[in-house]
PDB file of N, CA and C in Angstrom:
ATOM      1  N   MET A   1       6.987  -6.832  -8.925  1.00  0.00           N
ATOM      2  CA  MET A   1       6.950  -8.171  -8.393  1.00  0.00           C
ATOM      3  C   MET A   1       8.338  -8.596  -7.918  1.00  0.00           C
ATOM      4  N   GLU A   2       9.363  -8.088  -8.553  1.00  0.00           N
ATOM      5  CA  GLU A   2      10.727  -8.420  -8.149  1.00  0.00           C
ATOM      6  C   GLU A   2      11.025  -7.896  -6.746  1.00  0.00           C
ATOM      7  N   LEU A   3      10.531  -6.714  -6.425  1.00  0.00           N
ATOM      8  CA  LEU A   3      10.716  -6.140  -5.094  1.00  0.00           C
ATOM      9  C   LEU A   3      10.049  -7.015  -4.032  1.00  0.00           C
ATOM     10  N   PHE A   4       8.841  -7.490  -4.329  1.00  0.00           N
ATOM     11  CA  PHE A   4       8.125  -8.385  -3.417  1.00  0.00           C
ATOM     12  C   PHE A   4       8.950  -9.639  -3.160  1.00  0.00           C
ATOM     13  N   LYS A   5       9.463 -10.222  -4.212  1.00  0.00           N
ATOM     14  CA  LYS A   5      10.280 -11.439  -4.085  1.00  0.00           C
ATOM     15  C   LYS A   5      11.511 -11.170  -3.223  1.00  0.00           C
ATOM     16  N   ASP A   6      12.160 -10.036  -3.445  1.00  0.00           N
ATOM     17  CA  ASP A   6      13.348  -9.682  -2.660  1.00  0.00           C
ATOM     18  C   ASP A   6      13.026  -9.533  -1.174  1.00  0.00           C
ATOM     19  N   VAL A   7      11.917  -8.869  -0.877  1.00  0.00           N
ATOM     20  CA  VAL A   7      11.531  -8.675   0.525  1.00  0.00           C
ATOM     21  C   VAL A   7      11.234 -10.022   1.180  1.00  0.00           C
ATOM     22  N   ILE A   8      10.488 -10.870   0.505  1.00  0.00           N
ATOM     23  CA  ILE A   8      10.148 -12.195   1.049  1.00  0.00           C
ATOM     24  C   ILE A   8      11.413 -13.014   1.279  1.00  0.00           C
ATOM     25  N   LEU A   9      12.312 -13.008   0.326  1.00  0.00           N
ATOM     26  CA  LEU A   9      13.569 -13.754   0.487  1.00  0.00           C
ATOM     27  C   LEU A   9      14.399 -13.201   1.638  1.00  0.00           C
ATOM     28  N   ASN A  10      14.470 -11.882   1.749  1.00  0.00           N
ATOM     29  CA  ASN A  10      15.224 -11.269   2.847  1.00  0.00           C
ATOM     30  C   ASN A  10      14.626 -11.602   4.203  1.00  0.00           C
ATOM     31  N   ILE A  11      13.302 -11.655   4.284  1.00  0.00           N
ATOM     32  CA  ILE A  11      12.664 -12.047   5.543  1.00  0.00           C
ATOM     33  C   ILE A  11      12.995 -13.500   5.868  1.00  0.00           C
ATOM     34  N   SER A  12      12.871 -14.370   4.880  1.00  0.00           N
ATOM     35  CA  SER A  12      13.115 -15.799   5.132  1.00  0.00           C
ATOM     36  C   SER A  12      14.587 -16.092   5.434  1.00  0.00           C
ATOM     37  N   GLU A  13      15.483 -15.237   4.980  1.00  0.00           N
ATOM     38  CA  GLU A  13      16.913 -15.431   5.236  1.00  0.00           C
ATOM     39  C   GLU A  13      17.404 -14.625   6.442  1.00  0.00           C
ATOM     40  N   ASP A  14      16.469 -14.145   7.257  1.00  0.00           N
ATOM     41  CA  ASP A  14      16.791 -13.424   8.495  1.00  0.00           C
ATOM     42  C   ASP A  14      17.680 -12.199   8.276  1.00  0.00           C
ATOM     43  N   LYS A  15      17.411 -11.449   7.224  1.00  0.00           N
ATOM     44  CA  LYS A  15      18.206 -10.255   6.940  1.00  0.00           C
ATOM     45  C   LYS A  15      17.618  -8.992   7.553  1.00  0.00           C
ATOM     46  N   PHE A  16      16.482  -9.130   8.248  1.00  0.00           N
ATOM     47  CA  PHE A  16      15.880  -8.001   8.943  1.00  0.00           C
ATOM     48  C   PHE A  16      16.011  -8.213  10.440  1.00  0.00           C
ATOM     49  N   SER A  17      16.160  -7.116  11.168  1.00  0.00           N
ATOM     50  CA  SER A  17      16.202  -7.203  12.633  1.00  0.00           C
ATOM     51  C   SER A  17      14.779  -7.392  13.160  1.00  0.00           C
ATOM     52  N   ALA A  18      14.677  -7.724  14.432  1.00  0.00           N
ATOM     53  CA  ALA A  18      13.360  -7.887  15.053  1.00  0.00           C
ATOM     54  C   ALA A  18      12.573  -6.580  14.977  1.00  0.00           C
ATOM     55  N   ASP A  19      13.236  -5.444  15.197  1.00  0.00           N
ATOM     56  CA  ASP A  19      12.555  -4.145  15.110  1.00  0.00           C
ATOM     57  C   ASP A  19      12.011  -3.895  13.700  1.00  0.00           C
ATOM     58  N   GLN A  20      12.789  -4.239  12.703  1.00  0.00           N
ATOM     59  CA  GLN A  20      12.346  -4.057  11.324  1.00  0.00           C
ATOM     60  C   GLN A  20      11.163  -4.964  11.003  1.00  0.00           C
ATOM     61  N   LEU A  21      11.205  -6.207  11.489  1.00  0.00           N
ATOM     62  CA  LEU A  21      10.099  -7.135  11.251  1.00  0.00           C
ATOM     63  C   LEU A  21       8.822  -6.659  11.929  1.00  0.00           C
ATOM     64  N   VAL A  22       8.942  -6.119  13.134  1.00  0.00           N
ATOM     65  CA  VAL A  22       7.765  -5.577  13.828  1.00  0.00           C
ATOM     66  C   VAL A  22       7.192  -4.401  13.035  1.00  0.00           C
ATOM     67  N   SER A  23       8.035  -3.553  12.504  1.00  0.00           N
ATOM     68  CA  SER A  23       7.568  -2.429  11.690  1.00  0.00           C
ATOM     69  C   SER A  23       6.815  -2.913  10.466  1.00  0.00           C
ATOM     70  N   ILE A  24       7.334  -3.930   9.810  1.00  0.00           N
ATOM     71  CA  ILE A  24       6.670  -4.513   8.637  1.00  0.00           C
ATOM     72  C   ILE A  24       5.324  -5.100   9.049  1.00  0.00           C
ATOM     73  N   LEU A  25       5.297  -5.833  10.159  1.00  0.00           N
ATOM     74  CA  LEU A  25       4.059  -6.443  10.640  1.00  0.00           C
ATOM     75  C   LEU A  25       3.003  -5.387  10.969  1.00  0.00           C
ATOM     76  N   LEU A  26       3.389  -4.315  11.642  1.00  0.00           N
ATOM     77  CA  LEU A  26       2.447  -3.246  11.979  1.00  0.00           C
ATOM     78  C   LEU A  26       1.897  -2.564  10.729  1.00  0.00           C
ATOM     79  N   LEU A  27       2.746  -2.336   9.744  1.00  0.00           N
ATOM     80  CA  LEU A  27       2.299  -1.723   8.501  1.00  0.00           C
ATOM     81  C   LEU A  27       1.310  -2.632   7.785  1.00  0.00           C
ATOM     82  N   ILE A  28       1.615  -3.912   7.727  1.00  0.00           N
ATOM     83  CA  ILE A  28       0.720  -4.869   7.068  1.00  0.00           C
ATOM     84  C   ILE A  28      -0.612  -4.945   7.802  1.00  0.00           C
ATOM     85  N   ALA A  29      -0.570  -5.021   9.136  1.00  0.00           N
ATOM     86  CA  ALA A  29      -1.800  -5.099   9.933  1.00  0.00           C
ATOM     87  C   ALA A  29      -2.663  -3.857   9.719  1.00  0.00           C
ATOM     88  N   ASP A  30      -2.028  -2.714   9.498  1.00  0.00           N
ATOM     89  CA  ASP A  30      -2.769  -1.481   9.252  1.00  0.00           C
ATOM     90  C   ASP A  30      -3.417  -1.480   7.868  1.00  0.00           C
ATOM     91  N   LYS A  31      -2.825  -2.169   6.918  1.00  0.00           N
ATOM     92  CA  LYS A  31      -3.320  -2.174   5.536  1.00  0.00           C
ATOM     93  C   LYS A  31      -4.355  -3.258   5.266  1.00  0.00           C
ATOM     94  N   LEU A  32      -4.429  -4.297   6.115  1.00  0.00           N
ATOM     95  CA  LEU A  32      -5.373  -5.394   5.921  1.00  0.00           C
ATOM     96  C   LEU A  32      -6.547  -5.284   6.889  1.00  0.00           C
ATOM     97  N   PRO A  33      -7.733  -5.725   6.461  1.00  0.00           N
ATOM     98  CA  PRO A  33      -8.871  -5.759   7.378  1.00  0.00           C
ATOM     99  C   PRO A  33      -8.815  -7.023   8.239  1.00  0.00           C
ATOM    100  N   ILE A  34      -7.794  -7.155   9.043  1.00  0.00           N
ATOM    101  CA  ILE A  34      -7.552  -8.370   9.805  1.00  0.00           C
ATOM    102  C   ILE A  34      -8.092  -8.205  11.227  1.00  0.00           C
ATOM    103  N   ASP A  35      -8.852  -9.194  11.687  1.00  0.00           N
ATOM    104  CA  ASP A  35      -9.403  -9.206  13.038  1.00  0.00           C
ATOM    105  C   ASP A  35      -9.436 -10.647  13.531  1.00  0.00           C
ATOM    106  N   THR A  36      -9.648 -10.787  14.832  1.00  0.00           N
ATOM    107  CA  THR A  36      -9.813 -12.131  15.379  1.00  0.00           C
ATOM    108  C   THR A  36     -11.076 -12.748  14.795  1.00  0.00           C
ATOM    109  N   ILE A  37     -11.197 -14.052  14.925  1.00  0.00           N
ATOM    110  CA  ILE A  37     -12.390 -14.751  14.443  1.00  0.00           C
ATOM    111  C   ILE A  37     -13.635 -14.158  15.111  1.00  0.00           C
ATOM    112  N   SER A  38     -13.577 -13.963  16.431  1.00  0.00           N
ATOM    113  CA  SER A  38     -14.740 -13.437  17.164  1.00  0.00           C
ATOM    114  C   SER A  38     -15.102 -12.024  16.727  1.00  0.00           C
ATOM    115  N   GLU A  39     -14.115 -11.164  16.567  1.00  0.00           N
ATOM    116  CA  GLU A  39     -14.390  -9.789  16.160  1.00  0.00           C
ATOM    117  C   GLU A  39     -14.936  -9.738  14.735  1.00  0.00           C
ATOM    118  N   THR A  40     -14.415 -10.562  13.845  1.00  0.00           N
ATOM    119  CA  THR A  40     -14.938 -10.637  12.484  1.00  0.00           C
ATOM    120  C   THR A  40     -16.394 -11.067  12.510  1.00  0.00           C
ATOM    121  N   ALA A  41     -16.717 -12.056  13.336  1.00  0.00           N
ATOM    122  CA  ALA A  41     -18.102 -12.537  13.460  1.00  0.00           C
ATOM    123  C   ALA A  41     -19.014 -11.420  13.966  1.00  0.00           C
ATOM    124  N   ARG A  42     -18.577 -10.680  14.981  1.00  0.00           N
ATOM    125  CA  ARG A  42     -19.384  -9.567  15.507  1.00  0.00           C
ATOM    126  C   ARG A  42     -19.624  -8.507  14.431  1.00  0.00           C
ATOM    127  N   LYS A  43     -18.584  -8.153  13.708  1.00  0.00           N
ATOM    128  CA  LYS A  43     -18.710  -7.117  12.675  1.00  0.00           C
ATOM    129  C   LYS A  43     -19.648  -7.531  11.553  1.00  0.00           C
ATOM    130  N   GLU A  44     -19.671  -8.842  11.235  1.00  0.00           N
ATOM    131  CA  GLU A  44     -20.458  -9.306  10.095  1.00  0.00           C
ATOM    132  C   GLU A  44     -21.770  -9.965  10.500  1.00  0.00           C
ATOM    133  N   GLY A  45     -22.074  -9.961  11.801  1.00  0.00           N
ATOM    134  CA  GLY A  45     -23.334 -10.538  12.264  1.00  0.00           C
ATOM    135  C   GLY A  45     -23.419 -12.043  12.083  1.00  0.00           C
ATOM    136  N   LYS A  46     -22.289 -12.712  12.218  1.00  0.00           N
ATOM    137  CA  LYS A  46     -22.221 -14.162  12.056  1.00  0.00           C
ATOM    138  C   LYS A  46     -21.693 -14.780  13.334  1.00  0.00           C
ATOM    139  N   THR A  47     -21.697 -16.094  13.391  1.00  0.00           N
ATOM    140  CA  THR A  47     -21.143 -16.771  14.559  1.00  0.00           C
ATOM    141  C   THR A  47     -19.655 -17.022  14.337  1.00  0.00           C
ATOM    142  N   PRO A  48     -18.882 -17.105  15.423  1.00  0.00           N
ATOM    143  CA  PRO A  48     -17.464 -17.434  15.270  1.00  0.00           C
ATOM    144  C   PRO A  48     -17.265 -18.775  14.553  1.00  0.00           C
ATOM    145  N   ARG A  49     -18.122 -19.738  14.845  1.00  0.00           N
ATOM    146  CA  ARG A  49     -18.022 -21.042  14.166  1.00  0.00           C
ATOM    147  C   ARG A  49     -18.259 -20.884  12.665  1.00  0.00           C
ATOM    148  N   GLY A  50     -19.200 -20.023  12.297  1.00  0.00           N
ATOM    149  CA  GLY A  50     -19.467 -19.783  10.876  1.00  0.00           C
ATOM    150  C   GLY A  50     -18.260 -19.196  10.161  1.00  0.00           C
ATOM    151  N   ILE A  51     -17.590 -18.266  10.811  1.00  0.00           N
ATOM    152  CA  ILE A  51     -16.370 -17.678  10.236  1.00  0.00           C
ATOM    153  C   ILE A  51     -15.288 -18.745  10.152  1.00  0.00           C
ATOM    154  N   GLU A  52     -15.167 -19.534  11.210  1.00  0.00           N
ATOM    155  CA  GLU A  52     -14.128 -20.571  11.294  1.00  0.00           C
ATOM    156  C   GLU A  52     -14.218 -21.588  10.151  1.00  0.00           C
ATOM    157  N   ILE A  53     -15.432 -22.011   9.812  1.00  0.00           N
ATOM    158  CA  ILE A  53     -15.582 -23.064   8.796  1.00  0.00           C
ATOM    159  C   ILE A  53     -15.768 -22.519   7.383  1.00  0.00           C
ATOM    160  N   SER A  54     -15.964 -21.204   7.270  1.00  0.00           N
ATOM    161  CA  SER A  54     -16.195 -20.606   5.957  1.00  0.00           C
ATOM    162  C   SER A  54     -14.915 -20.566   5.130  1.00  0.00           C
ATOM    163  N   ASN A  55     -15.074 -20.787   3.844  1.00  0.00           N
ATOM    164  CA  ASN A  55     -13.949 -20.667   2.909  1.00  0.00           C
ATOM    165  C   ASN A  55     -13.820 -19.250   2.354  1.00  0.00           C
ATOM    166  N   GLN A  56     -14.672 -18.346   2.829  1.00  0.00           N
ATOM    167  CA  GLN A  56     -14.671 -16.972   2.331  1.00  0.00           C
ATOM    168  C   GLN A  56     -13.707 -16.068   3.082  1.00  0.00           C
ATOM    169  N   TYR A  57     -12.978 -16.631   4.026  1.00  0.00           N
ATOM    170  CA  TYR A  57     -12.019 -15.876   4.834  1.00  0.00           C
ATOM    171  C   TYR A  57     -10.701 -16.640   4.872  1.00  0.00           C
ATOM    172  N   ARG A  58      -9.604 -15.922   4.738  1.00  0.00           N
ATOM    173  CA  ARG A  58      -8.297 -16.538   4.952  1.00  0.00           C
ATOM    174  C   ARG A  58      -8.048 -16.493   6.441  1.00  0.00           C
ATOM    175  N   LYS A  59      -7.732 -17.627   7.030  1.00  0.00           N
ATOM    176  CA  LYS A  59      -7.435 -17.691   8.457  1.00  0.00           C
ATOM    177  C   LYS A  59      -5.942 -17.895   8.648  1.00  0.00           C
ATOM    178  N   ILE A  60      -5.384 -17.087   9.548  1.00  0.00           N
ATOM    179  CA  ILE A  60      -3.960 -17.209   9.864  1.00  0.00           C
ATOM    180  C   ILE A  60      -3.803 -17.228  11.374  1.00  0.00           C
ATOM    181  N   LYS A  61      -2.739 -17.827  11.822  1.00  0.00           N
ATOM    182  CA  LYS A  61      -2.468 -17.881  13.249  1.00  0.00           C
ATOM    183  C   LYS A  61      -1.188 -17.098  13.514  1.00  0.00           C
ATOM    184  N   ILE A  62      -1.279 -16.163  14.449  1.00  0.00           N
ATOM    185  CA  ILE A  62      -0.120 -15.394  14.878  1.00  0.00           C
ATOM    186  C   ILE A  62       0.002 -15.623  16.375  1.00  0.00           C
ATOM    187  N   GLY A  63       1.080 -16.252  16.770  1.00  0.00           N
ATOM    188  CA  GLY A  63       1.209 -16.640  18.169  1.00  0.00           C
ATOM    189  C   GLY A  63       0.161 -17.692  18.470  1.00  0.00           C
ATOM    190  N   LYS A  64      -0.660 -17.432  19.473  1.00  0.00           N
ATOM    191  CA  LYS A  64      -1.714 -18.373  19.821  1.00  0.00           C
ATOM    192  C   LYS A  64      -3.086 -17.890  19.379  1.00  0.00           C
ATOM    193  N   GLN A  65      -3.135 -16.765  18.681  1.00  0.00           N
ATOM    194  CA  GLN A  65      -4.409 -16.178  18.272  1.00  0.00           C
ATOM    195  C   GLN A  65      -4.656 -16.412  16.789  1.00  0.00           C
ATOM    196  N   LYS A  66      -5.886 -16.784  16.450  1.00  0.00           N
ATOM    197  CA  LYS A  66      -6.273 -17.009  15.072  1.00  0.00           C
ATOM    198  C   LYS A  66      -7.012 -15.778  14.550  1.00  0.00           C
ATOM    199  N   PHE A  67      -6.672 -15.352  13.342  1.00  0.00           N
ATOM    200  CA  PHE A  67      -7.257 -14.180  12.729  1.00  0.00           C
ATOM    201  C   PHE A  67      -7.941 -14.560  11.421  1.00  0.00           C
ATOM    202  N   ALA A  68      -8.910 -13.744  11.020  1.00  0.00           N
ATOM    203  CA  ALA A  68      -9.599 -13.927   9.746  1.00  0.00           C
ATOM    204  C   ALA A  68      -9.392 -12.676   8.912  1.00  0.00           C
ATOM    205  N   ILE A  69      -9.216 -12.895   7.621  1.00  0.00           N
ATOM    206  CA  ILE A  69      -9.065 -11.781   6.685  1.00  0.00           C
ATOM    207  C   ILE A  69     -10.179 -11.893   5.654  1.00  0.00           C
ATOM    208  N   PRO A  70     -11.207 -11.038   5.760  1.00  0.00           N
ATOM    209  CA  PRO A  70     -12.286 -11.073   4.777  1.00  0.00           C
ATOM    210  C   PRO A  70     -11.780 -10.667   3.399  1.00  0.00           C
ATOM    211  N   GLY A  71     -12.385 -11.241   2.386  1.00  0.00           N
ATOM    212  CA  GLY A  71     -12.022 -10.879   1.017  1.00  0.00           C
ATOM    213  C   GLY A  71     -10.943 -11.745   0.415  1.00  0.00           C
ATOM    214  N   LEU A  72     -10.260 -12.529   1.244  1.00  0.00           N
ATOM    215  CA  LEU A  72      -9.273 -13.474   0.742  1.00  0.00           C
ATOM    216  C   LEU A  72      -9.800 -14.869   1.031  1.00  0.00           C
ATOM    217  N   LYS A  73      -9.988 -15.646  -0.001  1.00  0.00           N
ATOM    218  CA  LYS A  73     -10.522 -16.995   0.205  1.00  0.00           C
ATOM    219  C   LYS A  73      -9.477 -17.906   0.829  1.00  0.00           C
ATOM    220  N   ALA A  74      -9.963 -18.866   1.589  1.00  0.00           N
ATOM    221  CA  ALA A  74      -9.079 -19.870   2.191  1.00  0.00           C
ATOM    222  C   ALA A  74      -8.463 -20.694   1.072  1.00  0.00           C
ATOM    223  N   ASP A  75      -7.188 -21.007   1.208  1.00  0.00           N
ATOM    224  CA  ASP A  75      -6.529 -21.868   0.233  1.00  0.00           C
ATOM    225  C   ASP A  75      -5.560 -22.773   0.971  1.00  0.00           C
ATOM    226  N   LEU A  76      -4.842 -23.551   0.221  1.00  0.00           N
ATOM    227  CA  LEU A  76      -3.909 -24.513   0.829  1.00  0.00           C
ATOM    228  C   LEU A  76      -2.487 -23.995   0.813  1.00  0.00           C
ATOM    229  N   PHE A  77      -2.323 -22.684   0.685  1.00  0.00           N
ATOM    230  CA  PHE A  77      -0.994 -22.095   0.690  1.00  0.00           C
ATOM    231  C   PHE A  77      -0.318 -22.435   2.017  1.00  0.00           C
ATOM    232  N   PRO A  78       0.932 -22.872   2.005  1.00  0.00           N
ATOM    233  CA  PRO A  78       1.541 -23.410   3.216  1.00  0.00           C
ATOM    234  C   PRO A  78       1.713 -22.438   4.367  1.00  0.00           C
ATOM    235  N   PHE A  79       1.727 -21.148   4.148  1.00  0.00           N
ATOM    236  CA  PHE A  79       1.816 -20.197   5.239  1.00  0.00           C
ATOM    237  C   PHE A  79       0.941 -19.049   4.925  1.00  0.00           C
TER     238      PHE A  79
END
């Protein structure tokens, strides 16, 4: 857990270069079942609106695109 804290602090304090941050982002995206709201809906046979309002998915916004992560419940975590 200490390593996790160190990485998060280093990211927030801008101690990684843009290339390093992209590498971290790509690794994370590969490890999570993350898809757009529409793609998640297609995969699960639901409507995009159903995914959007459901508390059964964590929704995050990267750039201008919104993504859903199945298996993580929505919460009020600030980021």
